[in-house]
Amino acid sequence: MTKFLLLVVLILIGPLIPTGAFPRPGVDCDYSLEYPSGSICCLNCPAGTRKASPCTGAGEEGKCEECDDGTYTEHGNGLSQCFKCTQCRSDQEIKRPCTHVQDAKCQCKPGGFCAPDQACEACKKCSRCKKDEEIVRNCTSTTNTECKKKHPGPASPSANSLMIVPSLLIPTFIIIGVIIFAVWRCRRTESVRNPPDRRKAGKHDGEYCPTECGETQSCLNLSRTLEDVEFPTLVAVNGEVSLRKCFEYFDEIDYSHHKRFFRRLGIVDNVIKSKDHLSYEDKIHDLLTIWVEKEGREATLNDLLRALRDLNQRRTAETVKEKAVLNGHYSVER
């Protein structure tokens, strides 16, 4: 009976109660595009700016101001303050600078590293390989140096073999002397008969010899060493796609040789230096991409491997070749 009387009272006096006596429900805004301001929804300020004052009409944009230097907002927002940029520590360098629309990104300086799956409160010092070890992978900003045991050297020669060596060296020196004399004579005769200003464009010195050495005899083709003969030519399985998939293998290049490597490919120092803010792997990838775009269809993996061998980085060239063939990007020319 009591409940029935209360219900009757509410029905009778309900229309008399002002609507402002009860709190209004919250404003339902699309937070990916809007922010609430009182009883209306305002459009977010763009990335790189903050809210200076809200809008006066629903669905409008209020007053937005650009973030101050050293602060940023990455997305549209209704914030009254921008976020402060991250400051790199003394053992770090800037990998990506802070802008009004993105935070700074830091990485360890050369000689230090931090594993990406671990908290990086301080960069760890890169390890050095021991005397009986050799480098498998150079230290980067995210990985430590990898080492492996060196292969045991050849056994000491026996007394009998030491006695044989002089008897073998003498004929060898004689043969080498004869070859050098023949090459010198060929080149001298060629220079006399065909001065530099009369030679055909595109012919290299020593490519062919005059009749004294034979009409079609190659004078040892001096530019082609025994090492080049032994190193196989690779054939791309899928053209430039195969070449680009092999870029990741070139982070095997020793850090101290990478500038000389790219100079040999015709990349100027200013371009090489412009990539110093990147991680070592990204730097190698970007510079190889620049080289491919410069060379066009003439670019081949064989050119890159030849440049490594010219810098006495044959082990690195062998490693890149093996990975390229093993992963099915290239095959060995038969």
C-alpha atoms as a PDB file:
ATOM      1  CA  MET A   1       0.000   0.000   0.000  1.00  0.00           C
ATOM      2  CA  THR A   2       2.855   2.376   0.903  1.00  0.00           C
ATOM      3  CA  LYS A   3       4.625   1.714  -2.412  1.00  0.00           C
ATOM      4  CA  PHE A   4       1.420   2.405  -4.320  1.00  0.00           C
ATOM      5  CA  LEU A   5       0.952   5.794  -2.590  1.00  0.00           C
ATOM      6  CA  LEU A   6       4.575   6.802  -3.370  1.00  0.00           C
ATOM      7  CA  LEU A   7       4.099   5.938  -7.055  1.00  0.00           C
ATOM      8  CA  VAL A   8       0.937   8.093  -7.212  1.00  0.00           C
ATOM      9  CA  VAL A   9       2.766  11.044  -5.598  1.00  0.00           C
ATOM     10  CA  LEU A  10       5.669  10.818  -8.107  1.00  0.00           C
ATOM     11  CA  ILE A  11       3.257  10.734 -11.043  1.00  0.00           C
ATOM     12  CA  LEU A  12       1.413  13.823  -9.781  1.00  0.00           C
ATOM     13  CA  ILE A  13       4.430  16.013  -8.869  1.00  0.00           C
ATOM     14  CA  GLY A  14       6.951  14.698 -11.476  1.00  0.00           C
ATOM     15  CA  PRO A  15       6.066  17.297 -14.144  1.00  0.00           C
ATOM     16  CA  LEU A  16       6.552  20.067 -11.568  1.00  0.00           C
ATOM     17  CA  ILE A  17      10.233  19.185 -10.823  1.00  0.00           C
ATOM     18  CA  PRO A  18      12.655  21.342 -12.932  1.00  0.00           C
ATOM     19  CA  THR A  19      14.900  19.391 -15.254  1.00  0.00           C
ATOM     20  CA  GLY A  20      18.028  21.006 -13.760  1.00  0.00           C
ATOM     21  CA  ALA A  21      17.421  19.281 -10.431  1.00  0.00           C
ATOM     22  CA  PHE A  22      19.049  16.057 -11.701  1.00  0.00           C
ATOM     23  CA  PRO A  23      22.547  15.730 -13.280  1.00  0.00           C
ATOM     24  CA  ARG A  24      22.654  15.413 -17.082  1.00  0.00           C
ATOM     25  CA  PRO A  25      24.290  12.386 -18.644  1.00  0.00           C
ATOM     26  CA  GLY A  26      27.913  12.823 -20.019  1.00  0.00           C
ATOM     27  CA  VAL A  27      28.455  14.059 -23.568  1.00  0.00           C
ATOM     28  CA  ASP A  28      28.940  11.144 -25.979  1.00  0.00           C
ATOM     29  CA  CYS A  29      31.817  12.246 -28.302  1.00  0.00           C
ATOM     30  CA  ASP A  30      33.753  10.263 -30.889  1.00  0.00           C
ATOM     31  CA  TYR A  31      37.134  10.494 -29.125  1.00  0.00           C
ATOM     32  CA  SER A  32      39.053   9.600 -32.283  1.00  0.00           C
ATOM     33  CA  LEU A  33      37.840  12.884 -33.819  1.00  0.00           C
ATOM     34  CA  GLU A  34      36.436  15.013 -30.964  1.00  0.00           C
ATOM     35  CA  TYR A  35      36.851  16.041 -27.332  1.00  0.00           C
ATOM     36  CA  PRO A  36      34.086  17.105 -24.878  1.00  0.00           C
ATOM     37  CA  SER A  37      33.731  20.726 -23.820  1.00  0.00           C
ATOM     38  CA  GLY A  38      30.802  21.336 -21.487  1.00  0.00           C
ATOM     39  CA  SER A  39      27.719  19.942 -23.184  1.00  0.00           C
ATOM     40  CA  ILE A  40      29.149  19.852 -26.736  1.00  0.00           C
ATOM     41  CA  CYS A  41      31.825  18.021 -28.714  1.00  0.00           C
ATOM     42  CA  CYS A  42      34.660  19.977 -30.410  1.00  0.00           C
ATOM     43  CA  LEU A  43      36.847  18.726 -33.261  1.00  0.00           C
ATOM     44  CA  ASN A  44      40.363  17.644 -32.210  1.00  0.00           C
ATOM     45  CA  CYS A  45      43.330  19.894 -32.876  1.00  0.00           C
ATOM     46  CA  PRO A  46      45.731  18.422 -35.503  1.00  0.00           C
ATOM     47  CA  ALA A  47      48.917  16.546 -34.574  1.00  0.00           C
ATOM     48  CA  GLY A  48      51.703  18.966 -33.691  1.00  0.00           C
ATOM     49  CA  THR A  49      49.277  21.420 -32.032  1.00  0.00           C
ATOM     50  CA  ARG A  50      47.367  21.768 -28.741  1.00  0.00           C
ATOM     51  CA  LYS A  51      44.060  23.277 -27.630  1.00  0.00           C
ATOM     52  CA  ALA A  52      44.363  26.970 -26.733  1.00  0.00           C
ATOM     53  CA  SER A  53      40.597  27.455 -26.251  1.00  0.00           C
ATOM     54  CA  PRO A  54      37.585  25.177 -26.946  1.00  0.00           C
ATOM     55  CA  CYS A  55      34.992  25.647 -29.663  1.00  0.00           C
ATOM     56  CA  THR A  56      31.737  27.554 -29.134  1.00  0.00           C
ATOM     57  CA  GLY A  57      29.576  25.367 -31.337  1.00  0.00           C
ATOM     58  CA  ALA A  58      29.185  21.591 -31.571  1.00  0.00           C
ATOM     59  CA  GLY A  59      31.289  19.957 -34.309  1.00  0.00           C
ATOM     60  CA  GLU A  60      33.547  23.004 -34.675  1.00  0.00           C
ATOM     61  CA  GLU A  61      37.278  23.339 -34.072  1.00  0.00           C
ATOM     62  CA  GLY A  62      38.410  25.560 -31.245  1.00  0.00           C
ATOM     63  CA  LYS A  63      41.577  27.637 -31.251  1.00  0.00           C
ATOM     64  CA  CYS A  64      44.674  25.452 -31.744  1.00  0.00           C
ATOM     65  CA  GLU A  65      48.299  26.528 -31.281  1.00  0.00           C
ATOM     66  CA  GLU A  66      51.497  24.857 -32.515  1.00  0.00           C
ATOM     67  CA  CYS A  67      53.525  22.988 -29.897  1.00  0.00           C
ATOM     68  CA  ASP A  68      56.518  24.864 -28.479  1.00  0.00           C
ATOM     69  CA  ASP A  69      60.034  23.743 -29.407  1.00  0.00           C
ATOM     70  CA  GLY A  70      60.978  20.650 -27.425  1.00  0.00           C
ATOM     71  CA  THR A  71      57.371  19.409 -27.237  1.00  0.00           C
ATOM     72  CA  TYR A  72      55.099  17.381 -29.517  1.00  0.00           C
ATOM     73  CA  THR A  73      51.733  15.677 -30.062  1.00  0.00           C
ATOM     74  CA  GLU A  74      51.662  12.702 -32.418  1.00  0.00           C
ATOM     75  CA  HIS A  75      47.871  12.548 -32.986  1.00  0.00           C
ATOM     76  CA  GLY A  76      44.795  14.758 -33.154  1.00  0.00           C
ATOM     77  CA  ASN A  77      43.912  15.826 -29.593  1.00  0.00           C
ATOM     78  CA  GLY A  78      42.109  18.125 -27.205  1.00  0.00           C
ATOM     79  CA  LEU A  79      45.084  18.542 -24.850  1.00  0.00           C
ATOM     80  CA  SER A  80      45.933  21.919 -23.390  1.00  0.00           C
ATOM     81  CA  GLN A  81      49.658  21.007 -23.144  1.00  0.00           C
ATOM     82  CA  CYS A  82      52.004  19.180 -25.560  1.00  0.00           C
ATOM     83  CA  PHE A  83      54.244  16.321 -24.409  1.00  0.00           C
ATOM     84  CA  LYS A  84      57.932  17.000 -23.653  1.00  0.00           C
ATOM     85  CA  CYS A  85      60.450  15.439 -26.078  1.00  0.00           C
ATOM     86  CA  THR A  86      62.643  12.584 -24.851  1.00  0.00           C
ATOM     87  CA  GLN A  87      66.218  13.636 -24.045  1.00  0.00           C
ATOM     88  CA  CYS A  88      68.949  11.158 -25.056  1.00  0.00           C
ATOM     89  CA  ARG A  89      71.403  10.121 -22.344  1.00  0.00           C
ATOM     90  CA  SER A  90      75.125  10.911 -22.508  1.00  0.00           C
ATOM     91  CA  ASP A  91      75.867   7.338 -23.712  1.00  0.00           C
ATOM     92  CA  GLN A  92      73.296   7.646 -26.507  1.00  0.00           C
ATOM     93  CA  GLU A  93      72.996   9.528 -29.774  1.00  0.00           C
ATOM     94  CA  ILE A  94      69.903  10.753 -31.611  1.00  0.00           C
ATOM     95  CA  LYS A  95      68.563   8.211 -34.103  1.00  0.00           C
ATOM     96  CA  ARG A  96      65.510  10.322 -34.966  1.00  0.00           C
ATOM     97  CA  PRO A  97      65.161  13.993 -33.904  1.00  0.00           C
ATOM     98  CA  CYS A  98      62.083  15.260 -32.083  1.00  0.00           C
ATOM     99  CA  THR A  99      59.626  17.315 -34.145  1.00  0.00           C
ATOM    100  CA  HIS A 100      56.259  18.840 -33.329  1.00  0.00           C
ATOM    101  CA  VAL A 101      54.545  15.626 -34.538  1.00  0.00           C
ATOM    102  CA  GLN A 102      56.878  12.880 -33.197  1.00  0.00           C
ATOM    103  CA  ASP A 103      59.072  12.174 -30.198  1.00  0.00           C
ATOM    104  CA  ALA A 104      62.848  11.781 -30.439  1.00  0.00           C
ATOM    105  CA  LYS A 105      64.318   8.280 -30.741  1.00  0.00           C
ATOM    106  CA  CYS A 106      67.696   7.426 -29.199  1.00  0.00           C
ATOM    107  CA  GLN A 107      70.236   4.661 -29.744  1.00  0.00           C
ATOM    108  CA  CYS A 108      73.530   3.677 -28.147  1.00  0.00           C
ATOM    109  CA  LYS A 109      76.647   5.385 -29.449  1.00  0.00           C
ATOM    110  CA  PRO A 110      79.189   3.265 -31.413  1.00  0.00           C
ATOM    111  CA  GLY A 111      80.901   0.905 -29.001  1.00  0.00           C
ATOM    112  CA  GLY A 112      77.765   0.342 -26.908  1.00  0.00           C
ATOM    113  CA  PHE A 113      74.502  -1.580 -27.285  1.00  0.00           C
ATOM    114  CA  CYS A 114      71.133  -2.283 -25.664  1.00  0.00           C
ATOM    115  CA  ALA A 115      69.043  -5.359 -26.477  1.00  0.00           C
ATOM    116  CA  PRO A 116      65.566  -4.213 -27.638  1.00  0.00           C
ATOM    117  CA  ASP A 117      63.789  -6.790 -25.454  1.00  0.00           C
ATOM    118  CA  GLN A 118      65.449  -5.501 -22.266  1.00  0.00           C
ATOM    119  CA  ALA A 119      65.141  -2.309 -20.233  1.00  0.00           C
ATOM    120  CA  CYS A 120      67.890   0.039 -21.384  1.00  0.00           C
ATOM    121  CA  GLU A 121      68.897   2.071 -18.327  1.00  0.00           C
ATOM    122  CA  ALA A 122      72.496   2.275 -19.627  1.00  0.00           C
ATOM    123  CA  CYS A 123      74.244   1.086 -22.779  1.00  0.00           C
ATOM    124  CA  LYS A 124      76.445  -1.967 -22.339  1.00  0.00           C
ATOM    125  CA  LYS A 125      79.981  -1.939 -23.727  1.00  0.00           C
ATOM    126  CA  CYS A 126      80.502  -4.026 -26.861  1.00  0.00           C
ATOM    127  CA  SER A 127      82.577  -7.168 -26.281  1.00  0.00           C
ATOM    128  CA  ARG A 128      85.940  -7.782 -27.937  1.00  0.00           C
ATOM    129  CA  CYS A 129      86.862 -11.144 -29.359  1.00  0.00           C
ATOM    130  CA  LYS A 130      89.708 -13.010 -27.664  1.00  0.00           C
ATOM    131  CA  LYS A 131      93.002 -13.766 -29.385  1.00  0.00           C
ATOM    132  CA  ASP A 132      91.857 -17.261 -30.330  1.00  0.00           C
ATOM    133  CA  GLU A 133      88.517 -15.963 -31.669  1.00  0.00           C
ATOM    134  CA  GLU A 134      87.358 -14.096 -34.765  1.00  0.00           C
ATOM    135  CA  ILE A 135      84.383 -11.773 -35.353  1.00  0.00           C
ATOM    136  CA  VAL A 136      81.235 -13.393 -36.776  1.00  0.00           C
ATOM    137  CA  ARG A 137      79.031 -10.302 -36.439  1.00  0.00           C
ATOM    138  CA  ASN A 138      80.007  -6.735 -35.549  1.00  0.00           C
ATOM    139  CA  CYS A 139      78.479  -4.962 -32.573  1.00  0.00           C
ATOM    140  CA  THR A 140      75.489  -2.719 -33.382  1.00  0.00           C
ATOM    141  CA  SER A 141      73.357  -0.402 -31.266  1.00  0.00           C
ATOM    142  CA  THR A 142      71.015  -3.338 -30.465  1.00  0.00           C
ATOM    143  CA  THR A 143      73.293  -6.424 -30.568  1.00  0.00           C
ATOM    144  CA  ASN A 144      76.603  -7.354 -28.977  1.00  0.00           C
ATOM    145  CA  THR A 145      79.659  -8.588 -30.883  1.00  0.00           C
ATOM    146  CA  GLU A 146      79.500 -12.267 -31.872  1.00  0.00           C
ATOM    147  CA  CYS A 147      82.720 -14.281 -31.890  1.00  0.00           C
ATOM    148  CA  LYS A 148      83.769 -17.828 -32.755  1.00  0.00           C
ATOM    149  CA  LYS A 149      86.886 -19.882 -32.269  1.00  0.00           C
ATOM    150  CA  LYS A 150      89.466 -19.592 -35.017  1.00  0.00           C
ATOM    151  CA  HIS A 151      90.273 -22.643 -37.082  1.00  0.00           C
ATOM    152  CA  PRO A 152      93.527 -24.283 -35.966  1.00  0.00           C
ATOM    153  CA  GLY A 153      96.503 -23.204 -38.086  1.00  0.00           C
ATOM    154  CA  PRO A 154      98.520 -25.589 -40.250  1.00  0.00           C
ATOM    155  CA  ALA A 155     100.912 -27.949 -38.530  1.00  0.00           C
ATOM    156  CA  SER A 156     104.575 -26.933 -38.273  1.00  0.00           C
ATOM    157  CA  PRO A 157     106.593 -28.100 -41.282  1.00  0.00           C
ATOM    158  CA  SER A 158     108.825 -31.080 -40.823  1.00  0.00           C
ATOM    159  CA  ALA A 159     112.577 -31.019 -41.410  1.00  0.00           C
ATOM    160  CA  ASN A 160     112.190 -32.880 -44.729  1.00  0.00           C
ATOM    161  CA  SER A 161     109.646 -30.393 -46.039  1.00  0.00           C
ATOM    162  CA  LEU A 162     111.942 -27.497 -45.104  1.00  0.00           C
ATOM    163  CA  MET A 163     114.650 -29.015 -47.276  1.00  0.00           C
ATOM    164  CA  ILE A 164     112.236 -29.272 -50.233  1.00  0.00           C
ATOM    165  CA  VAL A 165     111.115 -25.632 -50.065  1.00  0.00           C
ATOM    166  CA  PRO A 166     114.317 -24.013 -51.514  1.00  0.00           C
ATOM    167  CA  SER A 167     114.307 -26.414 -54.458  1.00  0.00           C
ATOM    168  CA  LEU A 168     110.747 -25.375 -55.285  1.00  0.00           C
ATOM    169  CA  LEU A 169     111.233 -21.646 -54.770  1.00  0.00           C
ATOM    170  CA  ILE A 170     114.063 -21.219 -57.280  1.00  0.00           C
ATOM    171  CA  PRO A 171     112.075 -22.492 -60.340  1.00  0.00           C
ATOM    172  CA  THR A 172     109.056 -20.503 -59.157  1.00  0.00           C
ATOM    173  CA  PHE A 173     111.026 -17.255 -59.029  1.00  0.00           C
ATOM    174  CA  ILE A 174     112.444 -17.940 -62.484  1.00  0.00           C
ATOM    175  CA  ILE A 175     108.943 -18.489 -63.949  1.00  0.00           C
ATOM    176  CA  ILE A 176     107.618 -15.332 -62.296  1.00  0.00           C
ATOM    177  CA  GLY A 177     110.582 -13.351 -63.644  1.00  0.00           C
ATOM    178  CA  VAL A 178     109.945 -14.594 -67.192  1.00  0.00           C
ATOM    179  CA  ILE A 179     106.246 -13.676 -66.949  1.00  0.00           C
ATOM    180  CA  ILE A 180     106.993 -10.170 -65.632  1.00  0.00           C
ATOM    181  CA  PHE A 181     109.526  -9.592 -68.421  1.00  0.00           C
ATOM    182  CA  ALA A 182     107.034 -10.755 -71.074  1.00  0.00           C
ATOM    183  CA  VAL A 183     104.297  -8.496 -69.741  1.00  0.00           C
ATOM    184  CA  TRP A 184     106.655  -5.517 -69.533  1.00  0.00           C
ATOM    185  CA  ARG A 185     107.760  -6.061 -73.141  1.00  0.00           C
ATOM    186  CA  CYS A 186     104.158  -6.336 -74.359  1.00  0.00           C
ATOM    187  CA  ARG A 187     103.102  -3.145 -72.584  1.00  0.00           C
ATOM    188  CA  ARG A 188     106.202  -1.248 -73.756  1.00  0.00           C
ATOM    189  CA  THR A 189     105.653  -2.207 -77.396  1.00  0.00           C
ATOM    190  CA  GLU A 190     101.966  -1.320 -77.161  1.00  0.00           C
ATOM    191  CA  SER A 191     102.729   2.124 -75.720  1.00  0.00           C
ATOM    192  CA  VAL A 192     105.222   2.805 -78.562  1.00  0.00           C
ATOM    193  CA  ARG A 193     102.905   1.704 -81.370  1.00  0.00           C
ATOM    194  CA  ASN A 194      99.703   3.131 -79.942  1.00  0.00           C
ATOM    195  CA  PRO A 195     100.241   6.335 -77.927  1.00  0.00           C
ATOM    196  CA  PRO A 196      97.493   7.082 -75.352  1.00  0.00           C
ATOM    197  CA  ASP A 197      95.823   9.762 -77.510  1.00  0.00           C
ATOM    198  CA  ARG A 198      95.422   7.370 -80.479  1.00  0.00           C
ATOM    199  CA  ARG A 199      94.052   4.324 -78.688  1.00  0.00           C
ATOM    200  CA  LYS A 200      90.444   3.399 -79.204  1.00  0.00           C
ATOM    201  CA  ALA A 201      88.081   4.607 -76.511  1.00  0.00           C
ATOM    202  CA  GLY A 202      87.069   1.847 -74.142  1.00  0.00           C
ATOM    203  CA  LYS A 203      90.274  -0.225 -74.554  1.00  0.00           C
ATOM    204  CA  HIS A 204      92.190  -0.710 -71.334  1.00  0.00           C
ATOM    205  CA  ASP A 205      95.953  -0.808 -71.128  1.00  0.00           C
ATOM    206  CA  GLY A 206      97.240  -4.346 -71.373  1.00  0.00           C
ATOM    207  CA  GLU A 207      93.954  -5.835 -72.605  1.00  0.00           C
ATOM    208  CA  TYR A 208      95.500  -7.117 -75.867  1.00  0.00           C
ATOM    209  CA  CYS A 209      99.122  -7.416 -76.952  1.00  0.00           C
ATOM    210  CA  PRO A 210     100.841  -6.676 -80.263  1.00  0.00           C
ATOM    211  CA  THR A 211     102.037  -9.376 -82.630  1.00  0.00           C
ATOM    212  CA  GLU A 212     105.189  -9.981 -80.602  1.00  0.00           C
ATOM    213  CA  CYS A 213     103.006 -11.663 -77.985  1.00  0.00           C
ATOM    214  CA  GLY A 214     100.498 -13.153 -80.444  1.00  0.00           C
ATOM    215  CA  GLU A 215      97.594 -11.588 -82.376  1.00  0.00           C
ATOM    216  CA  THR A 216      94.870 -12.560 -79.885  1.00  0.00           C
ATOM    217  CA  GLN A 217      96.931 -13.485 -76.864  1.00  0.00           C
ATOM    218  CA  SER A 218      95.794 -11.848 -73.619  1.00  0.00           C
ATOM    219  CA  CYS A 219      98.801 -10.557 -71.673  1.00  0.00           C
ATOM    220  CA  LEU A 220      97.742 -12.446 -68.555  1.00  0.00           C
ATOM    221  CA  ASN A 221      94.739 -10.084 -68.357  1.00  0.00           C
ATOM    222  CA  LEU A 222      96.349  -8.347 -65.402  1.00  0.00           C
ATOM    223  CA  SER A 223      93.095  -6.911 -64.074  1.00  0.00           C
ATOM    224  CA  ARG A 224      91.729 -10.423 -63.566  1.00  0.00           C
ATOM    225  CA  THR A 225      93.457 -12.052 -60.611  1.00  0.00           C
ATOM    226  CA  LEU A 226      93.449 -15.696 -59.605  1.00  0.00           C
ATOM    227  CA  GLU A 227      91.028 -14.807 -56.832  1.00  0.00           C
ATOM    228  CA  ASP A 228      88.441 -13.539 -59.380  1.00  0.00           C
ATOM    229  CA  VAL A 229      88.811 -16.749 -61.394  1.00  0.00           C
ATOM    230  CA  GLU A 230      88.067 -18.871 -58.350  1.00  0.00           C
ATOM    231  CA  PHE A 231      85.088 -16.749 -57.168  1.00  0.00           C
ATOM    232  CA  PRO A 232      81.902 -17.850 -58.989  1.00  0.00           C
ATOM    233  CA  THR A 233      79.521 -15.574 -60.870  1.00  0.00           C
ATOM    234  CA  LEU A 234      76.006 -15.439 -59.390  1.00  0.00           C
ATOM    235  CA  VAL A 235      72.767 -15.277 -61.389  1.00  0.00           C
ATOM    236  CA  ALA A 236      69.700 -13.533 -59.891  1.00  0.00           C
ATOM    237  CA  VAL A 237      66.598 -15.732 -59.581  1.00  0.00           C
ATOM    238  CA  ASN A 238      64.242 -12.729 -59.664  1.00  0.00           C
ATOM    239  CA  GLY A 239      66.229  -9.755 -61.008  1.00  0.00           C
ATOM    240  CA  GLU A 240      66.416  -6.626 -58.846  1.00  0.00           C
ATOM    241  CA  VAL A 241      64.061  -8.165 -56.274  1.00  0.00           C
ATOM    242  CA  SER A 242      66.693 -10.819 -55.520  1.00  0.00           C
ATOM    243  CA  LEU A 243      69.390  -8.130 -55.219  1.00  0.00           C
ATOM    244  CA  ARG A 244      67.382  -6.037 -52.736  1.00  0.00           C
ATOM    245  CA  LYS A 245      66.570  -9.108 -50.606  1.00  0.00           C
ATOM    246  CA  CYS A 246      70.322  -9.604 -50.119  1.00  0.00           C
ATOM    247  CA  PHE A 247      70.870  -6.116 -48.631  1.00  0.00           C
ATOM    248  CA  GLU A 248      70.427  -7.430 -45.079  1.00  0.00           C
ATOM    249  CA  TYR A 249      73.449  -9.720 -45.517  1.00  0.00           C
ATOM    250  CA  PHE A 250      75.782  -6.737 -45.952  1.00  0.00           C
ATOM    251  CA  ASP A 251      75.610  -5.755 -42.279  1.00  0.00           C
ATOM    252  CA  GLU A 252      78.407  -8.353 -42.058  1.00  0.00           C
ATOM    253  CA  ILE A 253      80.740  -5.617 -43.379  1.00  0.00           C
ATOM    254  CA  ASP A 254      83.243  -4.547 -40.736  1.00  0.00           C
ATOM    255  CA  TYR A 255      82.272  -1.122 -39.349  1.00  0.00           C
ATOM    256  CA  SER A 256      85.773   0.221 -40.030  1.00  0.00           C
ATOM    257  CA  HIS A 257      85.534  -0.706 -43.745  1.00  0.00           C
ATOM    258  CA  HIS A 258      81.975   0.363 -44.649  1.00  0.00           C
ATOM    259  CA  LYS A 259      82.922   3.894 -45.797  1.00  0.00           C
ATOM    260  CA  ARG A 260      85.678   2.604 -48.088  1.00  0.00           C
ATOM    261  CA  PHE A 261      83.217   0.023 -49.452  1.00  0.00           C
ATOM    262  CA  PHE A 262      80.622   2.631 -50.441  1.00  0.00           C
ATOM    263  CA  ARG A 263      83.271   5.004 -51.823  1.00  0.00           C
ATOM    264  CA  ARG A 264      84.358   2.141 -54.091  1.00  0.00           C
ATOM    265  CA  LEU A 265      80.740   1.894 -55.283  1.00  0.00           C
ATOM    266  CA  GLY A 266      80.798   5.595 -56.215  1.00  0.00           C
ATOM    267  CA  ILE A 267      78.831   6.939 -53.234  1.00  0.00           C
ATOM    268  CA  VAL A 268      80.246  10.319 -52.158  1.00  0.00           C
ATOM    269  CA  ASP A 269      81.189  11.073 -48.534  1.00  0.00           C
ATOM    270  CA  ASN A 270      78.396  13.628 -48.041  1.00  0.00           C
ATOM    271  CA  VAL A 271      75.760  10.999 -48.866  1.00  0.00           C
ATOM    272  CA  ILE A 272      77.461   8.428 -46.600  1.00  0.00           C
ATOM    273  CA  LYS A 273      77.625  10.939 -43.735  1.00  0.00           C
ATOM    274  CA  SER A 274      73.947  11.889 -44.181  1.00  0.00           C
ATOM    275  CA  LYS A 275      72.998   8.372 -43.004  1.00  0.00           C
ATOM    276  CA  ASP A 276      75.110   8.460 -39.795  1.00  0.00           C
ATOM    277  CA  HIS A 277      71.994   9.079 -37.654  1.00  0.00           C
ATOM    278  CA  LEU A 278      70.577   5.676 -38.641  1.00  0.00           C
ATOM    279  CA  SER A 279      71.357   2.321 -37.067  1.00  0.00           C
ATOM    280  CA  TYR A 280      74.182   0.423 -38.777  1.00  0.00           C
ATOM    281  CA  GLU A 281      71.768  -1.997 -40.523  1.00  0.00           C
ATOM    282  CA  ASP A 282      69.489   0.833 -41.739  1.00  0.00           C
ATOM    283  CA  LYS A 283      72.502   2.847 -42.925  1.00  0.00           C
ATOM    284  CA  ILE A 284      73.826  -0.088 -44.989  1.00  0.00           C
ATOM    285  CA  HIS A 285      70.339  -0.711 -46.457  1.00  0.00           C
ATOM    286  CA  ASP A 286      69.750   2.953 -47.406  1.00  0.00           C
ATOM    287  CA  LEU A 287      73.177   3.388 -49.032  1.00  0.00           C
ATOM    288  CA  LEU A 288      72.769   0.159 -51.034  1.00  0.00           C
ATOM    289  CA  THR A 289      69.349   1.406 -52.185  1.00  0.00           C
ATOM    290  CA  ILE A 290      70.952   4.668 -53.355  1.00  0.00           C
ATOM    291  CA  TRP A 291      73.590   2.662 -55.241  1.00  0.00           C
ATOM    292  CA  VAL A 292      70.945   0.514 -56.997  1.00  0.00           C
ATOM    293  CA  GLU A 293      68.949   3.579 -58.026  1.00  0.00           C
ATOM    294  CA  LYS A 294      72.161   5.173 -59.382  1.00  0.00           C
ATOM    295  CA  GLU A 295      73.299   2.086 -61.314  1.00  0.00           C
ATOM    296  CA  GLY A 296      69.849   1.050 -62.552  1.00  0.00           C
ATOM    297  CA  ARG A 297      69.739  -2.213 -64.489  1.00  0.00           C
ATOM    298  CA  GLU A 298      73.536  -2.464 -64.425  1.00  0.00           C
ATOM    299  CA  ALA A 299      73.536  -3.120 -60.654  1.00  0.00           C
ATOM    300  CA  THR A 300      74.350  -6.734 -59.730  1.00  0.00           C
ATOM    301  CA  LEU A 301      75.317  -8.624 -56.599  1.00  0.00           C
ATOM    302  CA  ASN A 302      78.548  -9.606 -58.359  1.00  0.00           C
ATOM    303  CA  ASP A 303      79.615  -5.920 -58.360  1.00  0.00           C
ATOM    304  CA  LEU A 304      79.108  -5.693 -54.584  1.00  0.00           C
ATOM    305  CA  LEU A 305      81.026  -8.916 -53.937  1.00  0.00           C
ATOM    306  CA  ARG A 306      83.872  -7.743 -56.187  1.00  0.00           C
ATOM    307  CA  ALA A 307      84.096  -4.464 -54.238  1.00  0.00           C
ATOM    308  CA  LEU A 308      84.401  -6.450 -50.984  1.00  0.00           C
ATOM    309  CA  ARG A 309      87.181  -8.614 -52.430  1.00  0.00           C
ATOM    310  CA  ASP A 310      89.020  -5.541 -53.677  1.00  0.00           C
ATOM    311  CA  LEU A 311      89.051  -4.333 -50.052  1.00  0.00           C
ATOM    312  CA  ASN A 312      90.451  -7.732 -48.913  1.00  0.00           C
ATOM    313  CA  GLN A 313      87.090  -8.599 -47.332  1.00  0.00           C
ATOM    314  CA  ARG A 314      86.881 -11.990 -49.027  1.00  0.00           C
ATOM    315  CA  ARG A 315      85.463 -13.725 -45.942  1.00  0.00           C
ATOM    316  CA  THR A 316      82.554 -11.259 -45.859  1.00  0.00           C
ATOM    317  CA  ALA A 317      82.025 -11.731 -49.613  1.00  0.00           C
ATOM    318  CA  GLU A 318      81.935 -15.527 -49.131  1.00  0.00           C
ATOM    319  CA  THR A 319      79.387 -15.176 -46.311  1.00  0.00           C
ATOM    320  CA  VAL A 320      77.086 -12.925 -48.390  1.00  0.00           C
ATOM    321  CA  LYS A 321      77.384 -15.261 -51.407  1.00  0.00           C
ATOM    322  CA  GLU A 322      76.540 -18.352 -49.323  1.00  0.00           C
ATOM    323  CA  LYS A 323      73.462 -16.687 -47.780  1.00  0.00           C
ATOM    324  CA  ALA A 324      72.251 -15.438 -51.168  1.00  0.00           C
ATOM    325  CA  VAL A 325      72.494 -18.949 -52.673  1.00  0.00           C
ATOM    326  CA  LEU A 326      71.243 -20.798 -49.562  1.00  0.00           C
ATOM    327  CA  ASN A 327      68.109 -18.619 -49.335  1.00  0.00           C
ATOM    328  CA  GLY A 328      67.296 -19.124 -53.014  1.00  0.00           C
ATOM    329  CA  HIS A 329      67.853 -15.538 -54.197  1.00  0.00           C
ATOM    330  CA  TYR A 330      70.798 -16.433 -56.472  1.00  0.00           C
ATOM    331  CA  SER A 331      72.269 -19.478 -58.216  1.00  0.00           C
ATOM    332  CA  VAL A 332      75.860 -20.142 -59.262  1.00  0.00           C
ATOM    333  CA  GLU A 333      76.483 -19.705 -63.002  1.00  0.00           C
ATOM    334  CA  ARG A 334      77.360 -23.022 -64.627  1.00  0.00           C
END
